[in-house]
């Protein structure tokens, strides 16, 4: 059910809701993907770090700094 909600929010362009639902449902990797699609690299890095994806979090932080 949560995956469907994420899909619906994502298709509607509501990436913030999609990522939040994914994170709350324990789909951290999906949440990171959604935040990346939205260009929200800071949030993506935070979720990645919280989920133990330290290398991905570092890469996202680096990308965010390059785009500033």
Protein backbone atom coordinates (compact mmCIF):
# COMPACT_ATOMS: atom_id res chain seq x y z
CA UNK A 1 0.00 0.00 0.00
CA UNK A 2 2.79 2.44 0.89
CA UNK A 3 4.60 1.76 -2.36
CA UNK A 4 1.46 2.63 -4.28
CA UNK A 5 1.11 5.88 -2.32
CA UNK A 6 4.72 6.76 -3.13
CA UNK A 7 4.04 6.09 -6.83
CA UNK A 8 0.89 8.24 -6.80
CA UNK A 9 2.58 11.16 -5.05
CA UNK A 10 5.60 10.89 -7.33
CA UNK A 11 3.46 10.90 -10.49
CA UNK A 12 1.62 13.94 -9.16
CA UNK A 13 4.91 15.75 -8.69
CA UNK A 14 4.58 15.74 -4.90
CA UNK A 15 8.09 14.48 -4.28
CA UNK A 16 8.13 15.73 -0.69
CA UNK A 17 5.12 13.59 0.23
CA UNK A 18 6.41 10.63 -1.79
CA UNK A 19 9.77 10.69 0.00
CA UNK A 20 8.18 11.12 3.42
CA UNK A 21 5.83 8.17 2.90
CA UNK A 22 8.68 6.02 1.62
CA UNK A 23 10.88 6.90 4.59
CA UNK A 24 8.11 6.27 7.12
CA UNK A 25 7.38 2.90 5.48
CA UNK A 26 11.00 1.84 5.89
CA UNK A 27 11.84 2.28 2.21
CA UNK A 28 14.86 4.50 2.81
CA UNK A 29 16.52 3.79 -0.51
CA UNK A 30 13.33 4.72 -2.35
CA UNK A 31 13.09 7.92 -0.27
CA UNK A 32 16.64 8.83 -1.26
CA UNK A 33 15.82 8.16 -4.92
CA UNK A 34 12.74 10.38 -4.77
CA UNK A 35 14.62 13.23 -3.10
CA UNK A 36 17.33 12.91 -5.77
CA UNK A 37 14.75 13.12 -8.56
CA UNK A 38 13.41 16.27 -6.94
CA UNK A 39 16.89 17.77 -6.75
CA UNK A 40 16.73 17.79 -2.94
CA UNK A 41 20.23 16.45 -2.42
CA UNK A 42 20.50 17.68 1.17
CA UNK A 43 17.42 15.70 2.24
CA UNK A 44 18.57 12.72 0.20
CA UNK A 45 21.92 12.79 1.98
CA UNK A 46 20.27 12.99 5.41
CA UNK A 47 18.05 9.99 4.74
CA UNK A 48 20.96 8.05 3.26
CA UNK A 49 23.10 8.76 6.32
CA UNK A 50 20.31 7.76 8.72
CA UNK A 51 19.87 4.51 6.77
CA UNK A 52 23.55 3.65 6.99
CA UNK A 53 24.32 4.44 3.36
CA UNK A 54 27.36 6.53 4.25
CA UNK A 55 29.07 6.40 0.85
CA UNK A 56 25.91 7.49 -0.92
CA UNK A 57 25.39 10.25 1.65
CA UNK A 58 28.94 11.52 1.02
CA UNK A 59 28.38 11.51 -2.75
CA UNK A 60 25.12 13.41 -2.35
CA UNK A 61 26.72 16.01 -0.08
CA UNK A 62 29.50 16.47 -2.63
CA UNK A 63 26.94 16.88 -5.42
CA UNK A 64 24.98 19.38 -3.38
CA UNK A 65 28.09 21.48 -2.77
CA UNK A 66 28.99 21.43 -6.47
CA UNK A 67 25.55 22.71 -7.42
CA UNK A 68 25.54 25.63 -4.99
